[in-house]
Amino acid sequence: MKLTDQNQTRPTSEKWHYQQHFVYREIADFIYQWIPTDKSEIVIVCIGSDRSTGDALGPITGTHLSKWRLTNYHVYGTLKSPVHALNLTEELNKINESHPQAFIIAIDACLGRATSIGKITASIGPLKPGLALKKKLPEVGHLHITGIVNASTPVDYLTLQNTRLHLVMELAETIARSLLYLQRNYLDKRKQQIN
């Protein structure tokens, strides 16, 4: 499924600062406009490792979502069972086998400009994980959300390890709240209309 082929005038990428008022609503609005109406399954793949503070954004987000037991999502990647570079291909194979027609949202941490730290980006198209560490990994998702946790440097792996946990936690909570809002205010209502 290639979302850019949809012939409509709507933004294909948006960026918000996590402290912006009601940011979770704006992120949910952006995601909802791109979820095809014929998709009943939504898979959220939260990528990252709990062994690096900056890279823990995905697993922390996945842990929030799993604790809330949101019925519209199948969540992969938590602090207990992370999806990371070493098991990504295997996990994607499982997902494609278990949910072949699902709409997939990928979530990951990223590095950017110093002026962009604390921003959340949502874009259509697959996520390209591992770019900061120069790793060649499979692309993930139909739509992706990234949290800019720190500034890019010549030694990105050290930057990720020396990222403030507070910022990572705030970004993860904002992204998770966006998906909670999406379920409660859009997806649940869509289900009620169908039934």
N, C-alpha and C. Protein backbone atom coordinates (compact mmCIF):
# COMPACT_ATOMS: atom_id res chain seq x y z
N MET A 1 0.84 -1.16 0.00
CA MET A 1 0.00 0.00 0.00
C MET A 1 0.90 1.23 0.00
N LYS A 2 0.73 2.08 -0.98
CA LYS A 2 1.53 3.30 -1.06
C LYS A 2 0.60 4.49 -0.86
N LEU A 3 0.73 5.14 0.28
CA LEU A 3 -0.18 6.22 0.64
C LEU A 3 -0.03 7.45 -0.23
N THR A 4 1.14 7.68 -0.77
CA THR A 4 1.36 8.88 -1.60
C THR A 4 0.58 8.82 -2.90
N ASP A 5 0.09 7.63 -3.27
CA ASP A 5 -0.69 7.51 -4.50
C ASP A 5 -2.11 8.04 -4.33
N GLN A 6 -2.53 8.26 -3.10
CA GLN A 6 -3.88 8.78 -2.88
C GLN A 6 -3.91 10.21 -3.39
N ASN A 7 -4.85 10.48 -4.26
CA ASN A 7 -4.91 11.77 -4.95
C ASN A 7 -5.69 12.79 -4.12
N GLN A 8 -5.10 13.25 -3.03
CA GLN A 8 -5.75 14.25 -2.20
C GLN A 8 -4.71 15.25 -1.73
N THR A 9 -5.18 16.46 -1.47
CA THR A 9 -4.26 17.50 -1.01
C THR A 9 -4.28 17.56 0.51
N ARG A 10 -3.36 16.87 1.10
CA ARG A 10 -3.18 16.90 2.54
C ARG A 10 -1.70 16.73 2.81
N PRO A 11 -1.23 17.23 3.94
CA PRO A 11 0.21 17.15 4.21
C PRO A 11 0.67 15.71 4.37
N THR A 12 1.86 15.42 3.86
CA THR A 12 2.41 14.07 3.98
C THR A 12 3.38 13.96 5.15
N SER A 13 3.67 15.09 5.78
CA SER A 13 4.56 15.10 6.94
C SER A 13 4.24 16.33 7.78
N GLU A 14 4.28 16.15 9.10
CA GLU A 14 4.05 17.27 10.03
C GLU A 14 5.04 17.14 11.18
N LYS A 15 5.33 18.28 11.82
CA LYS A 15 6.27 18.29 12.95
C LYS A 15 5.71 19.18 14.05
N TRP A 16 5.80 18.70 15.29
CA TRP A 16 5.31 19.44 16.44
C TRP A 16 6.31 19.33 17.58
N HIS A 17 6.34 20.35 18.45
CA HIS A 17 7.13 20.24 19.68
C HIS A 17 6.26 19.56 20.72
N TYR A 18 6.85 18.68 21.49
CA TYR A 18 6.06 17.87 22.43
C TYR A 18 5.37 18.71 23.51
N GLN A 19 5.85 19.94 23.77
CA GLN A 19 5.24 20.79 24.79
C GLN A 19 4.11 21.66 24.24
N GLN A 20 3.88 21.59 22.96
CA GLN A 20 2.81 22.37 22.33
C GLN A 20 1.46 21.94 22.91
N HIS A 21 0.58 22.91 23.18
CA HIS A 21 -0.74 22.60 23.74
C HIS A 21 -1.53 21.68 22.80
N PHE A 22 -2.13 20.65 23.37
CA PHE A 22 -2.98 19.70 22.65
C PHE A 22 -2.28 19.05 21.46
N VAL A 23 -0.97 18.87 21.57
CA VAL A 23 -0.21 18.28 20.47
C VAL A 23 -0.70 16.87 20.16
N TYR A 24 -1.11 16.13 21.19
CA TYR A 24 -1.58 14.76 20.97
C TYR A 24 -2.80 14.72 20.04
N ARG A 25 -3.63 15.76 20.10
CA ARG A 25 -4.80 15.83 19.19
C ARG A 25 -4.34 16.04 17.74
N GLU A 26 -3.37 16.93 17.57
CA GLU A 26 -2.90 17.21 16.21
C GLU A 26 -2.22 15.99 15.59
N ILE A 27 -1.45 15.27 16.41
CA ILE A 27 -0.80 14.06 15.90
C ILE A 27 -1.86 13.02 15.53
N ALA A 28 -2.86 12.85 16.40
CA ALA A 28 -3.95 11.91 16.12
C ALA A 28 -4.70 12.30 14.85
N ASP A 29 -4.97 13.58 14.67
CA ASP A 29 -5.66 14.05 13.47
C ASP A 29 -4.86 13.70 12.21
N PHE A 30 -3.55 13.94 12.27
CA PHE A 30 -2.70 13.64 11.12
C PHE A 30 -2.74 12.15 10.79
N ILE A 31 -2.60 11.30 11.80
CA ILE A 31 -2.59 9.85 11.57
C ILE A 31 -3.93 9.40 11.00
N TYR A 32 -5.02 9.87 11.60
CA TYR A 32 -6.35 9.41 11.19
C TYR A 32 -6.63 9.70 9.72
N GLN A 33 -6.19 10.85 9.24
CA GLN A 33 -6.48 11.20 7.85
C GLN A 33 -5.79 10.26 6.86
N TRP A 34 -4.79 9.50 7.33
CA TRP A 34 -4.07 8.60 6.43
C TRP A 34 -4.43 7.12 6.61
N ILE A 35 -5.20 6.79 7.63
CA ILE A 35 -5.57 5.38 7.81
C ILE A 35 -6.69 5.04 6.83
N PRO A 36 -6.44 4.11 5.92
CA PRO A 36 -7.48 3.74 4.95
C PRO A 36 -8.70 3.16 5.67
N THR A 37 -9.88 3.48 5.18
CA THR A 37 -11.11 3.03 5.83
C THR A 37 -11.29 1.51 5.72
N ASP A 38 -10.63 0.87 4.79
CA ASP A 38 -10.78 -0.57 4.64
C ASP A 38 -9.81 -1.36 5.52
N LYS A 39 -9.07 -0.70 6.36
CA LYS A 39 -8.11 -1.38 7.24
C LYS A 39 -8.72 -1.56 8.62
N SER A 40 -8.94 -2.80 9.01
CA SER A 40 -9.51 -3.05 10.33
C SER A 40 -8.42 -3.32 11.37
N GLU A 41 -7.26 -3.74 10.92
CA GLU A 41 -6.16 -4.02 11.84
C GLU A 41 -5.10 -2.92 11.76
N ILE A 42 -4.66 -2.49 12.92
CA ILE A 42 -3.56 -1.52 12.99
C ILE A 42 -2.48 -2.12 13.87
N VAL A 43 -1.27 -2.20 13.32
CA VAL A 43 -0.11 -2.71 14.05
C VAL A 43 0.80 -1.53 14.33
N ILE A 44 1.26 -1.45 15.58
CA ILE A 44 2.22 -0.40 15.96
C ILE A 44 3.52 -1.10 16.32
N VAL A 45 4.58 -0.75 15.59
CA VAL A 45 5.90 -1.33 15.82
C VAL A 45 6.77 -0.26 16.46
N CYS A 46 7.10 -0.46 17.72
CA CYS A 46 7.89 0.50 18.50
C CYS A 46 9.33 0.00 18.54
N ILE A 47 10.19 0.67 17.79
CA ILE A 47 11.55 0.19 17.57
C ILE A 47 12.53 0.88 18.51
N GLY A 48 13.48 0.11 19.02
CA GLY A 48 14.52 0.68 19.86
C GLY A 48 14.98 -0.31 20.91
N SER A 49 15.94 0.13 21.69
CA SER A 49 16.55 -0.72 22.72
C SER A 49 16.49 -0.03 24.07
N ASP A 50 16.25 -0.81 25.11
CA ASP A 50 16.27 -0.25 26.45
C ASP A 50 17.69 -0.14 27.00
N ARG A 51 18.67 -0.51 26.20
CA ARG A 51 20.07 -0.44 26.64
C ARG A 51 20.74 0.89 26.32
N SER A 52 20.02 1.74 25.62
CA SER A 52 20.52 3.06 25.29
C SER A 52 19.41 4.06 25.58
N THR A 53 19.68 5.04 26.41
CA THR A 53 18.63 5.98 26.83
C THR A 53 17.92 6.61 25.65
N GLY A 54 18.65 7.15 24.70
CA GLY A 54 18.04 7.83 23.57
C GLY A 54 17.26 6.90 22.67
N ASP A 55 17.68 5.66 22.60
CA ASP A 55 17.03 4.69 21.71
C ASP A 55 15.83 4.02 22.37
N ALA A 56 15.53 4.34 23.61
CA ALA A 56 14.44 3.69 24.35
C ALA A 56 13.07 4.30 24.07
N LEU A 57 12.99 5.32 23.22
CA LEU A 57 11.70 5.96 22.93
C LEU A 57 10.66 4.96 22.46
N GLY A 58 11.00 4.11 21.51
CA GLY A 58 10.05 3.14 20.99
C GLY A 58 9.55 2.18 22.06
N PRO A 59 10.45 1.48 22.75
CA PRO A 59 9.99 0.55 23.78
C PRO A 59 9.20 1.19 24.92
N ILE A 60 9.53 2.42 25.29
CA ILE A 60 8.76 3.10 26.34
C ILE A 60 7.35 3.41 25.82
N THR A 61 7.25 3.88 24.59
CA THR A 61 5.95 4.14 23.98
C THR A 61 5.13 2.85 23.92
N GLY A 62 5.75 1.76 23.47
CA GLY A 62 5.06 0.48 23.39
C GLY A 62 4.60 -0.02 24.75
N THR A 63 5.39 0.23 25.78
CA THR A 63 5.01 -0.17 27.13
C THR A 63 3.78 0.59 27.61
N HIS A 64 3.74 1.91 27.36
CA HIS A 64 2.53 2.70 27.69
C HIS A 64 1.31 2.10 27.00
N LEU A 65 1.43 1.88 25.70
CA LEU A 65 0.29 1.38 24.93
C LEU A 65 -0.16 0.00 25.42
N SER A 66 0.78 -0.86 25.74
CA SER A 66 0.45 -2.20 26.22
C SER A 66 -0.26 -2.16 27.58
N LYS A 67 0.18 -1.28 28.45
CA LYS A 67 -0.46 -1.17 29.77
C LYS A 67 -1.90 -0.68 29.65
N TRP A 68 -2.15 0.18 28.68
CA TRP A 68 -3.50 0.72 28.49
C TRP A 68 -4.43 -0.28 27.80
N ARG A 69 -3.88 -1.36 27.25
CA ARG A 69 -4.66 -2.42 26.60
C ARG A 69 -5.64 -1.86 25.58
N LEU A 70 -5.14 -1.10 24.65
CA LEU A 70 -5.97 -0.50 23.61
C LEU A 70 -6.38 -1.57 22.60
N THR A 71 -7.67 -1.70 22.39
CA THR A 71 -8.20 -2.82 21.60
C THR A 71 -8.01 -2.66 20.09
N ASN A 72 -7.78 -1.47 19.61
CA ASN A 72 -7.65 -1.28 18.16
C ASN A 72 -6.24 -1.53 17.63
N TYR A 73 -5.30 -1.79 18.52
CA TYR A 73 -3.91 -1.91 18.10
C TYR A 73 -3.29 -3.25 18.51
N HIS A 74 -2.40 -3.73 17.67
CA HIS A 74 -1.49 -4.82 18.01
C HIS A 74 -0.13 -4.15 18.19
N VAL A 75 0.41 -4.19 19.41
CA VAL A 75 1.64 -3.46 19.71
C VAL A 75 2.82 -4.43 19.78
N TYR A 76 3.86 -4.11 19.06
CA TYR A 76 5.12 -4.85 19.09
C TYR A 76 6.22 -3.89 19.51
N GLY A 77 7.04 -4.31 20.47
CA GLY A 77 8.15 -3.49 20.94
C GLY A 77 7.84 -2.80 22.25
N THR A 78 8.25 -3.41 23.36
CA THR A 78 8.06 -2.84 24.69
C THR A 78 9.40 -2.95 25.43
N LEU A 79 9.44 -2.41 26.63
CA LEU A 79 10.66 -2.56 27.43
C LEU A 79 10.93 -4.03 27.75
N LYS A 80 9.88 -4.81 27.95
CA LYS A 80 10.04 -6.23 28.25
C LYS A 80 10.45 -7.02 27.01
N SER A 81 9.88 -6.68 25.86
CA SER A 81 10.16 -7.41 24.60
C SER A 81 10.45 -6.40 23.49
N PRO A 82 11.65 -5.82 23.49
CA PRO A 82 11.94 -4.78 22.48
C PRO A 82 12.11 -5.33 21.08
N VAL A 83 11.80 -4.47 20.11
CA VAL A 83 12.08 -4.75 18.70
C VAL A 83 13.25 -3.85 18.34
N HIS A 84 14.39 -4.46 18.00
CA HIS A 84 15.61 -3.68 17.77
C HIS A 84 16.36 -4.26 16.57
N ALA A 85 17.53 -3.72 16.31
CA ALA A 85 18.29 -4.09 15.11
C ALA A 85 18.54 -5.60 15.01
N LEU A 86 18.74 -6.27 16.13
CA LEU A 86 19.09 -7.68 16.08
C LEU A 86 17.91 -8.61 15.79
N ASN A 87 16.68 -8.15 16.10
CA ASN A 87 15.52 -9.01 15.86
C ASN A 87 14.47 -8.40 14.94
N LEU A 88 14.78 -7.27 14.33
CA LEU A 88 13.81 -6.55 13.52
C LEU A 88 13.28 -7.40 12.36
N THR A 89 14.15 -8.03 11.61
CA THR A 89 13.71 -8.83 10.46
C THR A 89 12.80 -9.96 10.90
N GLU A 90 13.17 -10.64 11.96
CA GLU A 90 12.36 -11.75 12.50
C GLU A 90 10.99 -11.25 12.96
N GLU A 91 10.95 -10.12 13.67
CA GLU A 91 9.69 -9.57 14.16
C GLU A 91 8.80 -9.12 13.00
N LEU A 92 9.40 -8.52 11.97
CA LEU A 92 8.61 -8.10 10.81
C LEU A 92 8.02 -9.30 10.08
N ASN A 93 8.77 -10.38 10.00
CA ASN A 93 8.23 -11.60 9.40
C ASN A 93 7.03 -12.11 10.18
N LYS A 94 7.11 -12.10 11.51
CA LYS A 94 5.98 -12.52 12.35
C LYS A 94 4.77 -11.62 12.13
N ILE A 95 5.02 -10.32 12.08
CA ILE A 95 3.93 -9.36 11.89
C ILE A 95 3.26 -9.57 10.54
N ASN A 96 4.05 -9.72 9.49
CA ASN A 96 3.48 -9.91 8.16
C ASN A 96 2.71 -11.22 8.05
N GLU A 97 3.14 -12.22 8.80
CA GLU A 97 2.43 -13.50 8.80
C GLU A 97 1.14 -13.41 9.61
N SER A 98 1.17 -12.77 10.76
CA SER A 98 0.00 -12.67 11.64
C SER A 98 -1.00 -11.61 11.22
N HIS A 99 -0.52 -10.55 10.57
CA HIS A 99 -1.37 -9.41 10.21
C HIS A 99 -1.07 -8.97 8.78
N PRO A 100 -1.35 -9.82 7.78
CA PRO A 100 -0.93 -9.52 6.40
C PRO A 100 -1.59 -8.29 5.78
N GLN A 101 -2.76 -7.91 6.25
CA GLN A 101 -3.47 -6.76 5.66
C GLN A 101 -3.48 -5.54 6.56
N ALA A 102 -2.67 -5.54 7.59
CA ALA A 102 -2.71 -4.46 8.59
C ALA A 102 -2.08 -3.17 8.08
N PHE A 103 -2.55 -2.08 8.66
CA PHE A 103 -1.92 -0.77 8.49
C PHE A 103 -0.86 -0.68 9.58
N ILE A 104 0.38 -0.42 9.20
CA ILE A 104 1.49 -0.45 10.17
C ILE A 104 2.02 0.96 10.43
N ILE A 105 2.09 1.28 11.73
CA ILE A 105 2.66 2.54 12.18
C ILE A 105 3.97 2.20 12.90
N ALA A 106 5.07 2.77 12.45
CA ALA A 106 6.37 2.55 13.08
C ALA A 106 6.73 3.75 13.95
N ILE A 107 7.33 3.47 15.11
CA ILE A 107 7.74 4.53 16.04
C ILE A 107 9.20 4.30 16.41
N ASP A 108 9.98 5.37 16.36
CA ASP A 108 11.40 5.25 16.69
C ASP A 108 11.96 6.60 17.12
N ALA A 109 13.08 6.56 17.80
CA ALA A 109 13.82 7.77 18.16
C ALA A 109 14.69 8.17 16.98
N CYS A 110 15.03 9.43 16.91
CA CYS A 110 15.99 9.86 15.89
C CYS A 110 16.78 11.05 16.42
N LEU A 111 17.85 11.33 15.71
CA LEU A 111 18.68 12.49 16.01
C LEU A 111 18.44 13.53 14.94
N GLY A 112 18.63 14.79 15.27
CA GLY A 112 18.40 15.86 14.29
C GLY A 112 19.22 17.08 14.63
N ARG A 113 18.75 18.23 14.18
CA ARG A 113 19.42 19.49 14.50
C ARG A 113 19.16 19.84 15.96
N ALA A 114 20.05 20.60 16.53
CA ALA A 114 19.89 21.01 17.93
C ALA A 114 18.59 21.79 18.12
N THR A 115 18.17 22.56 17.13
CA THR A 115 16.94 23.35 17.23
C THR A 115 15.69 22.48 17.13
N SER A 116 15.82 21.22 16.73
CA SER A 116 14.67 20.32 16.58
C SER A 116 14.50 19.35 17.74
N ILE A 117 15.40 19.38 18.70
CA ILE A 117 15.29 18.46 19.84
C ILE A 117 13.95 18.69 20.54
N GLY A 118 13.25 17.59 20.82
CA GLY A 118 11.94 17.67 21.46
C GLY A 118 10.79 17.70 20.48
N LYS A 119 11.08 17.63 19.21
CA LYS A 119 10.01 17.63 18.20
C LYS A 119 9.63 16.21 17.82
N ILE A 120 8.38 16.05 17.48
CA ILE A 120 7.83 14.79 17.02
C ILE A 120 7.43 14.97 15.58
N THR A 121 7.84 14.05 14.74
CA THR A 121 7.51 14.10 13.32
C THR A 121 6.65 12.90 12.97
N ALA A 122 5.60 13.13 12.22
CA ALA A 122 4.78 12.05 11.68
C ALA A 122 4.79 12.21 10.16
N SER A 123 5.06 11.12 9.46
CA SER A 123 5.16 11.16 8.00
C SER A 123 4.60 9.88 7.41
N ILE A 124 4.05 10.00 6.21
CA ILE A 124 3.63 8.80 5.53
C ILE A 124 4.87 8.14 4.91
N GLY A 125 4.75 6.87 4.67
CA GLY A 125 5.87 6.11 4.13
C GLY A 125 6.59 5.37 5.23
N PRO A 126 7.46 4.45 4.83
CA PRO A 126 8.14 3.62 5.82
C PRO A 126 9.25 4.34 6.58
N LEU A 127 9.48 3.87 7.78
CA LEU A 127 10.59 4.31 8.61
C LEU A 127 11.84 3.59 8.15
N LYS A 128 12.96 4.28 8.17
CA LYS A 128 14.25 3.67 7.82
C LYS A 128 15.09 3.61 9.09
N PRO A 129 14.89 2.57 9.90
CA PRO A 129 15.60 2.50 11.18
C PRO A 129 17.10 2.28 11.00
N GLY A 130 17.86 2.71 12.00
CA GLY A 130 19.30 2.47 12.01
C GLY A 130 20.13 3.47 11.24
N LEU A 131 19.52 4.51 10.68
CA LEU A 131 20.30 5.48 9.89
C LEU A 131 21.36 6.18 10.73
N ALA A 132 21.01 6.55 11.97
CA ALA A 132 21.95 7.26 12.83
C ALA A 132 23.20 6.43 13.10
N LEU A 133 23.04 5.12 13.16
CA LEU A 133 24.17 4.24 13.45
C LEU A 133 24.73 3.59 12.20
N LYS A 134 24.30 4.09 11.04
CA LYS A 134 24.79 3.60 9.74
C LYS A 134 24.52 2.10 9.55
N LYS A 135 23.36 1.64 10.04
CA LYS A 135 22.98 0.23 9.89
C LYS A 135 21.99 0.10 8.76
N LYS A 136 22.12 -0.97 8.00
CA LYS A 136 21.18 -1.25 6.92
C LYS A 136 20.13 -2.22 7.45
N LEU A 137 18.94 -1.70 7.73
CA LEU A 137 17.86 -2.50 8.28
C LEU A 137 16.63 -2.38 7.38
N PRO A 138 15.71 -3.33 7.46
CA PRO A 138 14.51 -3.25 6.62
C PRO A 138 13.64 -2.05 7.00
N GLU A 139 12.98 -1.50 5.98
CA GLU A 139 12.05 -0.39 6.22
C GLU A 139 10.80 -0.93 6.89
N VAL A 140 10.15 -0.06 7.69
CA VAL A 140 8.99 -0.50 8.48
C VAL A 140 7.84 0.50 8.36
N GLY A 141 6.65 -0.01 8.04
CA GLY A 141 5.43 0.77 8.17
C GLY A 141 4.91 1.46 6.93
N HIS A 142 3.65 1.86 7.06
CA HIS A 142 2.98 2.69 6.05
C HIS A 142 3.04 4.16 6.46
N LEU A 143 3.20 4.38 7.76
CA LEU A 143 3.30 5.71 8.35
C LEU A 143 4.28 5.57 9.52
N HIS A 144 5.04 6.60 9.77
CA HIS A 144 5.99 6.51 10.89
C HIS A 144 5.99 7.79 11.72
N ILE A 145 6.33 7.59 12.99
CA ILE A 145 6.42 8.68 13.96
C ILE A 145 7.81 8.62 14.58
N THR A 146 8.49 9.74 14.59
CA THR A 146 9.81 9.79 15.22
C THR A 146 9.85 10.92 16.24
N GLY A 147 10.60 10.69 17.29
CA GLY A 147 10.85 11.71 18.30
C GLY A 147 12.32 12.09 18.24
N ILE A 148 12.59 13.36 18.09
CA ILE A 148 13.98 13.83 18.00
C ILE A 148 14.51 14.00 19.41
N VAL A 149 15.36 13.06 19.82
CA VAL A 149 15.80 12.97 21.21
C VAL A 149 17.10 13.72 21.49
N ASN A 150 17.87 14.03 20.44
CA ASN A 150 19.14 14.72 20.65
C ASN A 150 19.66 15.22 19.31
N ALA A 151 20.76 15.96 19.36
CA ALA A 151 21.38 16.49 18.14
C ALA A 151 22.32 15.44 17.53
N SER A 152 22.34 15.40 16.24
CA SER A 152 23.24 14.50 15.53
C SER A 152 24.68 14.97 15.69
N THR A 153 25.58 14.01 15.88
CA THR A 153 27.00 14.31 16.04
C THR A 153 27.81 13.30 15.24
N PRO A 154 29.11 13.48 15.13
CA PRO A 154 29.92 12.48 14.43
C PRO A 154 29.91 11.10 15.12
N VAL A 155 29.60 11.07 16.41
CA VAL A 155 29.53 9.80 17.14
C VAL A 155 28.10 9.61 17.68
N ASP A 156 27.18 9.33 16.77
CA ASP A 156 25.76 9.26 17.11
C ASP A 156 25.44 8.21 18.17
N TYR A 157 26.15 7.09 18.17
CA TYR A 157 25.86 6.05 19.16
C TYR A 157 26.14 6.55 20.57
N LEU A 158 27.18 7.38 20.75
CA LEU A 158 27.46 7.96 22.07
C LEU A 158 26.41 9.00 22.43
N THR A 159 25.96 9.74 21.44
CA THR A 159 24.92 10.75 21.67
C THR A 159 23.65 10.08 22.17
N LEU A 160 23.26 8.97 21.55
CA LEU A 160 22.06 8.25 21.98
C LEU A 160 22.21 7.75 23.42
N GLN A 161 23.41 7.30 23.78
CA GLN A 161 23.63 6.79 25.13
C GLN A 161 23.65 7.89 26.18
N ASN A 162 23.92 9.12 25.75
CA ASN A 162 24.01 10.24 26.69
C ASN A 162 22.84 11.21 26.57
N THR A 163 21.71 10.69 26.12
CA THR A 163 20.50 11.50 25.99
C THR A 163 19.74 11.50 27.31
N ARG A 164 19.13 12.62 27.64
CA ARG A 164 18.39 12.73 28.90
C ARG A 164 17.13 11.86 28.87
N LEU A 165 16.99 11.03 29.88
CA LEU A 165 15.84 10.13 29.98
C LEU A 165 14.53 10.91 30.10
N HIS A 166 14.57 12.04 30.79
CA HIS A 166 13.35 12.84 30.96
C HIS A 166 12.73 13.20 29.61
N LEU A 167 13.54 13.67 28.69
CA LEU A 167 13.03 14.05 27.37
C LEU A 167 12.45 12.82 26.66
N VAL A 168 13.14 11.71 26.72
CA VAL A 168 12.66 10.49 26.07
C VAL A 168 11.32 10.06 26.65
N MET A 169 11.18 10.13 27.96
CA MET A 169 9.91 9.78 28.62
C MET A 169 8.79 10.72 28.20
N GLU A 170 9.07 12.01 28.12
CA GLU A 170 8.05 12.98 27.72
C GLU A 170 7.59 12.75 26.28
N LEU A 171 8.55 12.51 25.39
CA LEU A 171 8.20 12.24 23.98
C LEU A 171 7.38 10.97 23.87
N ALA A 172 7.80 9.91 24.58
CA ALA A 172 7.09 8.63 24.52
C ALA A 172 5.66 8.78 25.04
N GLU A 173 5.49 9.50 26.13
CA GLU A 173 4.15 9.69 26.67
C GLU A 173 3.27 10.48 25.71
N THR A 174 3.83 11.50 25.07
CA THR A 174 3.06 12.29 24.11
C THR A 174 2.62 11.44 22.92
N ILE A 175 3.52 10.64 22.38
CA ILE A 175 3.17 9.79 21.25
C ILE A 175 2.11 8.77 21.66
N ALA A 176 2.28 8.15 22.83
CA ALA A 176 1.31 7.17 23.31
C ALA A 176 -0.06 7.83 23.54
N ARG A 177 -0.07 9.01 24.12
CA ARG A 177 -1.35 9.73 24.33
C ARG A 177 -2.02 10.06 23.01
N SER A 178 -1.23 10.33 21.99
CA SER A 178 -1.80 10.60 20.66
C SER A 178 -2.53 9.38 20.13
N LEU A 179 -1.93 8.21 20.32
CA LEU A 179 -2.56 6.98 19.83
C LEU A 179 -3.76 6.60 20.69
N LEU A 180 -3.73 6.91 21.98
CA LEU A 180 -4.89 6.72 22.84
C LEU A 180 -6.04 7.62 22.37
N TYR A 181 -5.73 8.88 22.11
CA TYR A 181 -6.73 9.83 21.62
C TYR A 181 -7.28 9.38 20.27
N LEU A 182 -6.42 8.89 19.41
CA LEU A 182 -6.84 8.39 18.10
C LEU A 182 -7.86 7.27 18.27
N GLN A 183 -7.59 6.34 19.17
CA GLN A 183 -8.53 5.23 19.37
C GLN A 183 -9.86 5.74 19.92
N ARG A 184 -9.80 6.50 21.00
CA ARG A 184 -11.04 6.90 21.67
C ARG A 184 -11.90 7.86 20.85
N ASN A 185 -11.28 8.75 20.11
CA ASN A 185 -12.04 9.80 19.44
C ASN A 185 -12.28 9.56 17.95
N TYR A 186 -11.59 8.59 17.37
CA TYR A 186 -11.79 8.32 15.95
C TYR A 186 -12.10 6.85 15.68
N LEU A 187 -11.22 5.96 16.08
CA LEU A 187 -11.35 4.56 15.70
C LEU A 187 -12.55 3.89 16.37
N ASP A 188 -12.78 4.17 17.65
CA ASP A 188 -13.94 3.60 18.33
C ASP A 188 -15.24 4.09 17.68
N LYS A 189 -15.29 5.36 17.31
CA LYS A 189 -16.49 5.92 16.66
C LYS A 189 -16.69 5.32 15.29
N ARG A 190 -15.59 5.08 14.58
CA ARG A 190 -15.69 4.45 13.26
C ARG A 190 -16.28 3.04 13.39
N LYS A 191 -15.84 2.31 14.39
CA LYS A 191 -16.38 0.96 14.63
C LYS A 191 -17.86 1.00 14.94
N GLN A 192 -18.29 1.97 15.77
CA GLN A 192 -19.70 2.09 16.12
C GLN A 192 -20.56 2.40 14.91
N GLN A 193 -20.04 3.20 13.99
CA GLN A 193 -20.79 3.53 12.77
C GLN A 193 -20.95 2.31 11.87
N ILE A 194 -19.92 1.47 11.84
CA ILE A 194 -19.98 0.27 11.01
C ILE A 194 -20.97 -0.74 11.59
N ASN A 195 -20.97 -0.86 12.92
CA ASN A 195 -21.87 -1.83 13.58
C ASN A 195 -23.23 -1.23 13.70
